[in-house]
Amino acid sequence: MRKKTYLILTCLTALTLCLSLLSGCGEKEKKNDKPVGIMKEFKGSAGKLILKTDRKELTVAQPLALELTAVCAEEWKVQMPELKDKLGDFTIRTTKALPTKLSDDGKEKSVTLKAVLDPYLAGEYKLLPLTVKFTNASGSSYDVSTEEAAILVTAVIPPDDKKPALRDISSVVEIPFKLETWMIILAAAILVIIIAVVIILVKRRKEIIEEEHILLPHEIALNELENLLHSNLLKTGHIKEFYLTMSDILRHYIEARFSLAAPERTTEEFLEELKLDPALNSEQKSLLKNFLRHCDLVKFARHQPANDDIKNSVNSCRDFIEETKPQPEPELNTTQAD
C-alpha cells in the first residue's frame, strides 16, 4: 500500500513539473515571437507625421493597432483625420485622441491619434493614406499625408490544413491495464481538473477586480487635475504648459461625458457649437466660456497670469467637472406608515 501511495505521489509531482515546464516553454516562445510593425515618418512644410502599427502581418482573428502622431511648432493648429466606421478594407473598432504634449523647450507640440482596426477576410489589405491639416494664426494651411501601406491578413487555419489527408485505420492493439494504472490516470485527471478550476477562478477574480476599478470620466479628469497640481510645472515657471494640460483635461472630459468634439475644435468653434446644445445650462456654458478664453490668453497671447488667476482657473475647472458629473439617483422611501 505504501508503494502504491508513493507511486501515485511521484506521478502527481512529475505531472506538475511537466505542466510547469510546458507553461514556461510556451511563455518563452511567446516572448521571442514579437511581431514587427510599420514605423514611417512623413515631412511637410508645417510639420511631420509619424505612422506606427504594431504589426505588418496578422490573422483575421487579430486586431491592428495604429498610431498617428503630428509634430509641429506650438503655435500651429492641428486637425487630425476623422476616422469613422472604415479605413479602406479595415473596420474601425475604437479611436482615441491623446492629450497634446509639448517638447522640453516648449517650442514644439505633438498630437496623437490612436485607433484599433479589425479585418474580416484573409488577403492583402491597403492601409489608405491619412491627411493632417496644419493651420497658422494668419489662416494659411498645409496638408501632410502618409503613404499607402500594405498589411497582410492570413486565415487562422492554414490552407493546407483545411482538407487533411485521411489515413488507413491501424489494427487494434489491446493494452492491459492494472489497478495501479487506473489509479494513476484517475489521480492525473483530478489534478488537471483542480488546476483548470483554479485558473478559471483566478481569471474570473481578476476580471471582477478590473470591472470594479473602471473609472468614470469625471473621476479620470479629477485625478489628472490633481496630478497636474502636484507636478513641478508651476514651480519651474512652465505656466503655458500647465494651462495647455489643464485645458486638454477639461476638453477630453467634455468629450467623454457629453460626446462633444471639444479636443478637435478651437475655442471659438466649440463655443459656437455649444450654443445650440442642451447638454449644459447657461451658467455652465458661461463658466466654460470664461475658462477656455482665459486659457487661450495664456497659451497664445503670452499672457502672464497672477497667482490668484491661476487659482481661479483651477477652481473653475474643478467646479465645472463637479457640477456636470452624473448625479446619483435619489433613493425611494419605501417606509410605509403604520
Protein backbone atom coordinates (compact mmCIF):
# COMPACT_ATOMS: atom_id res chain seq x y z
CA MET A 1 0.00 0.00 0.00
CA ARG A 2 2.85 2.37 0.82
CA LYS A 3 4.46 1.50 -2.51
CA LYS A 4 1.26 2.39 -4.39
CA THR A 5 0.87 5.66 -2.48
CA TYR A 6 4.50 6.57 -3.20
CA LEU A 7 3.95 5.78 -6.90
CA ILE A 8 0.87 7.99 -7.07
CA LEU A 9 2.61 10.93 -5.34
CA THR A 10 5.62 10.55 -7.64
CA CYS A 11 3.38 10.63 -10.73
CA LEU A 12 1.50 13.69 -9.47
CA THR A 13 4.78 15.52 -8.82
CA ALA A 14 6.09 14.59 -12.26
CA LEU A 15 2.87 15.75 -13.93
CA THR A 16 3.02 19.08 -12.09
CA LEU A 17 6.63 19.61 -13.16
CA CYS A 18 5.79 18.77 -16.76
CA LEU A 19 2.92 21.26 -16.79
CA SER A 20 5.20 23.94 -15.32
CA LEU A 21 7.90 23.25 -17.91
CA LEU A 22 5.40 23.30 -20.77
CA SER A 23 3.95 26.57 -19.48
CA GLY A 24 7.44 28.07 -19.19
CA CYS A 25 8.37 26.98 -22.71
CA GLY A 26 5.18 28.49 -24.09
CA GLU A 27 5.92 31.82 -22.42
CA LYS A 28 9.45 31.82 -23.76
CA GLU A 29 8.29 31.17 -27.30
CA LYS A 30 5.64 33.83 -26.95
CA LYS A 31 8.18 36.42 -25.80
CA ASN A 32 10.55 35.64 -28.65
CA ASP A 33 7.74 35.76 -31.21
CA LYS A 34 7.36 39.55 -31.14
CA PRO A 35 5.50 40.98 -34.17
CA VAL A 36 7.15 43.65 -36.32
CA GLY A 37 5.10 46.70 -37.26
CA ILE A 38 5.31 49.73 -39.55
CA MET A 39 7.29 52.81 -38.46
CA LYS A 40 7.42 55.63 -41.06
CA GLU A 41 7.93 59.41 -40.95
CA PHE A 42 6.48 61.92 -43.46
CA LYS A 43 7.70 65.54 -43.52
CA GLY A 44 5.84 68.60 -44.81
CA SER A 45 6.14 72.40 -44.84
CA ALA A 46 4.40 72.88 -41.50
CA GLY A 47 5.33 69.73 -39.62
CA LYS A 48 5.78 65.99 -39.84
CA LEU A 49 3.73 62.83 -39.33
CA ILE A 50 4.82 59.60 -37.66
CA LEU A 51 2.83 56.48 -38.57
CA LYS A 52 3.13 53.34 -36.42
CA THR A 53 1.41 49.94 -36.44
CA ASP A 54 2.01 47.07 -34.05
CA ARG A 55 2.43 44.54 -36.89
CA LYS A 56 2.68 44.11 -40.66
CA GLU A 57 1.11 40.66 -40.73
CA LEU A 58 -1.85 39.38 -38.73
CA THR A 59 -4.63 36.81 -38.84
CA VAL A 60 -8.34 37.54 -39.30
CA ALA A 61 -8.76 36.97 -35.55
CA GLN A 62 -6.23 39.68 -34.57
CA PRO A 63 -6.74 43.49 -34.38
CA LEU A 64 -4.32 46.03 -35.85
CA ALA A 65 -3.19 48.87 -33.56
CA LEU A 66 -2.48 52.12 -35.44
CA GLU A 67 -0.91 55.30 -34.07
CA LEU A 68 -0.64 58.61 -35.98
CA THR A 69 1.37 61.47 -34.41
CA ALA A 70 1.60 65.02 -35.80
CA VAL A 71 4.61 67.14 -34.71
CA CYS A 72 4.78 70.89 -35.41
CA ALA A 73 5.55 74.28 -33.89
CA GLU A 74 3.49 75.10 -30.81
CA GLU A 75 1.54 77.97 -32.44
CA TRP A 76 0.14 75.82 -35.28
CA LYS A 77 -3.36 74.34 -35.10
CA VAL A 78 -3.53 70.61 -35.92
CA GLN A 79 -6.61 68.97 -37.47
CA MET A 80 -6.34 65.17 -37.35
CA PRO A 81 -8.26 62.98 -39.84
CA GLU A 82 -11.75 61.86 -38.86
CA LEU A 83 -11.88 58.07 -38.56
CA LYS A 84 -15.47 56.79 -38.50
CA ASP A 85 -16.54 53.26 -39.46
CA LYS A 86 -13.98 52.09 -42.00
CA LEU A 87 -10.42 52.73 -43.15
CA GLY A 88 -10.07 51.02 -46.50
CA ASP A 89 -10.93 47.35 -46.02
CA PHE A 90 -10.44 47.61 -42.25
CA THR A 91 -13.33 48.19 -39.85
CA ILE A 92 -12.56 50.72 -37.12
CA ARG A 93 -13.21 49.30 -33.66
CA THR A 94 -12.12 52.25 -31.48
CA THR A 95 -10.35 55.62 -31.78
CA LYS A 96 -8.74 57.74 -29.07
CA ALA A 97 -7.15 61.21 -29.18
CA LEU A 98 -4.33 61.60 -26.66
CA PRO A 99 -3.64 64.86 -24.78
CA THR A 100 -1.33 67.30 -26.57
CA LYS A 101 2.32 67.13 -25.45
CA LEU A 102 4.88 69.92 -25.53
CA SER A 103 8.60 69.43 -26.07
CA ASP A 104 11.02 70.20 -23.24
CA ASP A 105 11.78 73.65 -24.67
CA GLY A 106 8.09 74.39 -25.31
CA LYS A 107 8.65 75.17 -28.99
CA GLU A 108 7.06 72.07 -30.47
CA LYS A 109 3.95 70.06 -29.71
CA SER A 110 2.79 66.60 -30.69
CA VAL A 111 -0.81 65.45 -31.23
CA THR A 112 -1.50 61.69 -31.32
CA LEU A 113 -4.48 59.72 -32.59
CA LYS A 114 -4.77 56.00 -31.80
CA ALA A 115 -7.10 53.50 -33.50
CA VAL A 116 -7.80 49.77 -33.36
CA LEU A 117 -8.72 48.19 -36.73
CA ASP A 118 -10.33 44.80 -37.45
CA PRO A 119 -10.02 42.69 -40.62
CA TYR A 120 -12.63 40.11 -41.64
CA LEU A 121 -11.26 38.23 -44.66
CA ALA A 122 -7.78 36.97 -45.46
CA GLY A 123 -5.80 38.81 -48.14
CA GLU A 124 -3.60 41.86 -48.70
CA TYR A 125 -5.17 44.95 -47.12
CA LYS A 126 -4.34 48.52 -48.12
CA LEU A 127 -3.76 50.96 -45.28
CA LEU A 128 -5.01 54.12 -47.00
CA PRO A 129 -3.15 57.46 -46.72
CA LEU A 130 -4.09 59.70 -43.78
CA THR A 131 -4.02 63.50 -44.11
CA VAL A 132 -3.39 66.03 -41.34
CA LYS A 133 -4.04 69.77 -41.82
CA PHE A 134 -1.76 72.36 -40.16
CA THR A 135 -3.12 75.94 -39.85
CA ASN A 136 -1.27 79.00 -38.52
CA ALA A 137 -2.60 82.18 -36.94
CA SER A 138 -2.73 84.01 -40.30
CA GLY A 139 -5.04 81.38 -41.76
CA SER A 140 -2.51 79.66 -44.01
CA SER A 141 -2.88 75.89 -44.06
CA TYR A 142 -0.74 72.98 -45.24
CA ASP A 143 -1.59 69.31 -45.64
CA VAL A 144 0.78 66.46 -44.83
CA SER A 145 -0.22 62.91 -45.83
CA THR A 146 1.09 59.44 -45.16
CA GLU A 147 1.66 56.91 -47.93
CA GLU A 148 -0.39 53.82 -48.67
CA ALA A 149 0.92 50.72 -46.86
CA ALA A 150 0.23 47.01 -47.34
CA ILE A 151 -0.91 44.79 -44.46
CA LEU A 152 -1.06 41.02 -44.97
CA VAL A 153 -4.02 39.27 -43.31
CA THR A 154 -3.91 35.47 -43.17
CA ALA A 155 -6.50 32.85 -42.24
CA VAL A 156 -6.45 31.28 -38.78
CA ILE A 157 -6.33 27.79 -40.34
CA PRO A 158 -3.59 27.38 -42.99
CA PRO A 159 -4.98 26.45 -46.46
CA ASP A 160 -3.10 23.12 -46.46
CA ASP A 161 -4.86 22.03 -43.24
CA LYS A 162 -8.43 22.62 -44.44
CA LYS A 163 -8.62 19.20 -46.12
CA PRO A 164 -6.16 16.91 -44.31
CA ALA A 165 -5.39 13.56 -45.91
CA LEU A 166 -7.14 10.52 -44.44
CA ARG A 167 -5.08 7.60 -43.22
CA ASP A 168 -5.96 3.93 -43.07
CA ILE A 169 -7.13 2.52 -39.75
CA SER A 170 -4.39 0.59 -38.00
CA SER A 171 -5.04 -2.71 -36.33
CA VAL A 172 -6.42 -2.60 -32.78
CA VAL A 173 -3.82 -3.16 -30.08
CA GLU A 174 -5.06 -4.21 -26.66
CA ILE A 175 -3.26 -2.57 -23.76
CA PRO A 176 -3.53 -4.34 -20.43
CA PHE A 177 -4.48 -2.03 -17.54
CA LYS A 178 -3.73 -2.81 -13.93
CA LEU A 179 -5.25 -1.25 -10.83
CA GLU A 180 -2.19 0.93 -10.32
CA THR A 181 -2.51 2.29 -13.87
CA TRP A 182 -6.16 3.25 -13.36
CA MET A 183 -5.31 4.97 -10.07
CA ILE A 184 -2.55 6.98 -11.75
CA ILE A 185 -4.88 8.05 -14.59
CA LEU A 186 -7.59 8.99 -12.11
CA ALA A 187 -5.16 10.98 -9.95
CA ALA A 188 -3.77 12.77 -13.02
CA ALA A 189 -7.30 13.63 -14.22
CA ILE A 190 -8.26 15.00 -10.80
CA LEU A 191 -5.08 17.12 -10.74
CA VAL A 192 -5.78 18.53 -14.19
CA ILE A 193 -9.37 19.37 -13.18
CA ILE A 194 -8.16 21.12 -9.99
CA ILE A 195 -5.60 23.15 -11.95
CA ALA A 196 -8.25 24.14 -14.53
CA VAL A 197 -10.71 25.21 -11.82
CA VAL A 198 -8.03 27.28 -10.06
CA ILE A 199 -7.08 29.00 -13.33
CA ILE A 200 -10.74 29.79 -14.10
CA LEU A 201 -11.34 31.16 -10.58
CA VAL A 202 -8.20 33.32 -10.66
CA LYS A 203 -9.09 34.67 -14.11
CA ARG A 204 -12.66 35.42 -13.05
CA ARG A 205 -11.48 37.18 -9.88
CA LYS A 206 -9.09 39.29 -11.97
CA GLU A 207 -11.95 40.26 -14.32
CA ILE A 208 -14.15 41.22 -11.36
CA ILE A 209 -11.36 43.38 -9.88
CA GLU A 210 -10.81 45.10 -13.23
CA GLU A 211 -14.55 45.75 -13.59
CA GLU A 212 -14.67 47.27 -10.10
CA HIS A 213 -11.81 49.67 -10.90
CA ILE A 214 -13.25 51.15 -14.11
CA LEU A 215 -13.21 54.92 -13.55
CA LEU A 216 -15.91 57.30 -14.77
CA PRO A 217 -14.98 60.34 -16.92
CA HIS A 218 -15.24 62.82 -14.03
CA GLU A 219 -13.08 60.57 -11.80
CA ILE A 220 -10.41 60.38 -14.51
CA ALA A 221 -10.47 64.15 -15.02
CA LEU A 222 -10.25 64.97 -11.30
CA ASN A 223 -7.35 62.52 -10.87
CA GLU A 224 -5.49 64.08 -13.81
CA LEU A 225 -6.11 67.56 -12.41
CA GLU A 226 -4.70 66.55 -9.01
CA ASN A 227 -1.64 65.01 -10.70
CA LEU A 228 -1.14 68.25 -12.62
CA LEU A 229 -1.31 70.30 -9.42
CA HIS A 230 1.33 68.04 -7.82
CA SER A 231 3.67 68.41 -10.82
CA ASN A 232 6.51 70.93 -10.90
CA LEU A 233 5.20 72.95 -13.87
CA LEU A 234 4.12 75.95 -11.78
CA LYS A 235 7.20 75.87 -9.55
CA THR A 236 9.52 75.80 -12.57
CA GLY A 237 7.65 78.60 -14.34
CA HIS A 238 6.09 76.48 -17.11
CA ILE A 239 2.78 78.36 -16.87
CA LYS A 240 1.93 77.91 -20.55
CA GLU A 241 2.36 74.12 -20.45
CA PHE A 242 0.33 74.00 -17.22
CA TYR A 243 -2.61 75.80 -18.86
CA LEU A 244 -2.33 73.68 -22.02
CA THR A 245 -2.53 70.47 -19.99
CA MET A 246 -5.39 71.75 -17.82
CA SER A 247 -7.35 72.80 -20.91
CA ASP A 248 -6.81 69.36 -22.50
CA ILE A 249 -8.03 67.63 -19.32
CA LEU A 250 -11.31 69.57 -19.39
CA ARG A 251 -11.78 69.18 -23.16
CA HIS A 252 -11.33 65.39 -23.01
CA TYR A 253 -13.69 65.23 -20.03
CA ILE A 254 -16.36 67.08 -22.04
CA GLU A 255 -15.85 64.69 -24.96
CA ALA A 256 -16.16 61.60 -22.73
CA ARG A 257 -19.06 62.97 -20.65
CA PHE A 258 -21.23 64.64 -23.32
CA SER A 259 -19.87 63.18 -26.63
CA LEU A 260 -18.91 66.66 -27.81
CA ALA A 261 -15.84 67.03 -30.03
CA ALA A 262 -14.09 69.52 -27.74
CA PRO A 263 -10.44 68.40 -28.31
CA GLU A 264 -10.69 68.76 -32.13
CA ARG A 265 -12.24 72.26 -32.11
CA THR A 266 -10.79 75.69 -31.47
CA THR A 267 -12.31 77.57 -28.57
CA GLU A 268 -14.48 79.74 -30.80
CA GLU A 269 -15.65 76.78 -32.92
CA PHE A 270 -16.54 74.77 -29.83
CA LEU A 271 -18.37 77.64 -28.10
CA GLU A 272 -20.36 78.34 -31.27
CA GLU A 273 -21.34 74.67 -31.49
CA LEU A 274 -22.20 74.63 -27.77
CA LYS A 275 -24.79 77.40 -28.08
CA LEU A 276 -27.43 75.06 -29.52
CA ASP A 277 -26.52 72.03 -27.41
CA PRO A 278 -28.87 71.39 -24.44
CA ALA A 279 -26.32 69.28 -22.55
CA LEU A 280 -25.22 72.28 -20.44
CA ASN A 281 -27.22 75.06 -18.82
CA SER A 282 -26.45 78.74 -19.29
CA GLU A 283 -24.37 79.05 -16.08
CA GLN A 284 -22.22 76.06 -17.02
CA LYS A 285 -21.73 77.41 -20.57
CA SER A 286 -20.67 80.79 -19.16
CA LEU A 287 -18.22 79.16 -16.74
CA LEU A 288 -16.75 77.05 -19.56
CA LYS A 289 -16.52 80.06 -21.89
CA ASN A 290 -14.57 82.18 -19.37
CA PHE A 291 -12.26 79.29 -18.53
CA LEU A 292 -11.36 78.39 -22.14
CA ARG A 293 -10.81 82.01 -23.21
CA HIS A 294 -8.56 82.64 -20.22
CA CYS A 295 -6.55 79.52 -21.15
CA ASP A 296 -6.21 80.81 -24.74
CA LEU A 297 -4.84 84.11 -23.46
CA VAL A 298 -2.08 82.26 -21.64
CA LYS A 299 -1.39 79.79 -24.46
CA PHE A 300 -1.48 82.10 -27.49
CA ALA A 301 -1.31 85.73 -26.30
CA ARG A 302 1.61 85.08 -23.91
CA HIS A 303 -0.47 86.42 -21.01
CA GLN A 304 1.23 86.04 -17.62
CA PRO A 305 -1.50 85.24 -15.07
CA ALA A 306 -1.16 86.17 -11.42
CA ASN A 307 -1.29 83.55 -8.68
CA ASP A 308 -4.94 84.41 -7.97
CA ASP A 309 -5.78 83.99 -11.66
CA ILE A 310 -4.16 80.53 -11.70
CA LYS A 311 -6.03 79.54 -8.55
CA ASN A 312 -9.35 80.76 -10.00
CA SER A 313 -8.74 78.83 -13.23
CA VAL A 314 -8.07 75.61 -11.34
CA ASN A 315 -11.18 76.14 -9.23
CA SER A 316 -13.26 76.83 -12.36
CA CYS A 317 -12.02 73.61 -13.95
CA ARG A 318 -12.76 71.57 -10.83
CA ASP A 319 -16.17 73.23 -10.27
CA PHE A 320 -17.26 72.56 -13.85
CA ILE A 321 -16.39 68.86 -13.52
CA GLU A 322 -18.13 68.56 -10.16
CA GLU A 323 -21.28 70.34 -11.37
CA THR A 324 -21.63 68.29 -14.58
CA LYS A 325 -20.76 64.83 -13.29
CA PRO A 326 -23.62 62.28 -13.14
CA GLN A 327 -25.68 62.75 -10.03
CA PRO A 328 -26.79 59.69 -8.00
CA GLU A 329 -30.44 58.79 -8.32
CA PRO A 330 -32.50 59.67 -5.21
CA GLU A 331 -33.38 56.71 -3.04
CA LEU A 332 -37.06 55.84 -2.92
CA ASN A 333 -38.64 55.96 0.54
CA THR A 334 -40.30 52.56 0.89
CA THR A 335 -41.24 53.03 4.56
CA GLN A 336 -44.98 52.81 4.99
CA ALA A 337 -46.87 54.41 7.81
CA ASP A 338 -48.49 52.05 10.27
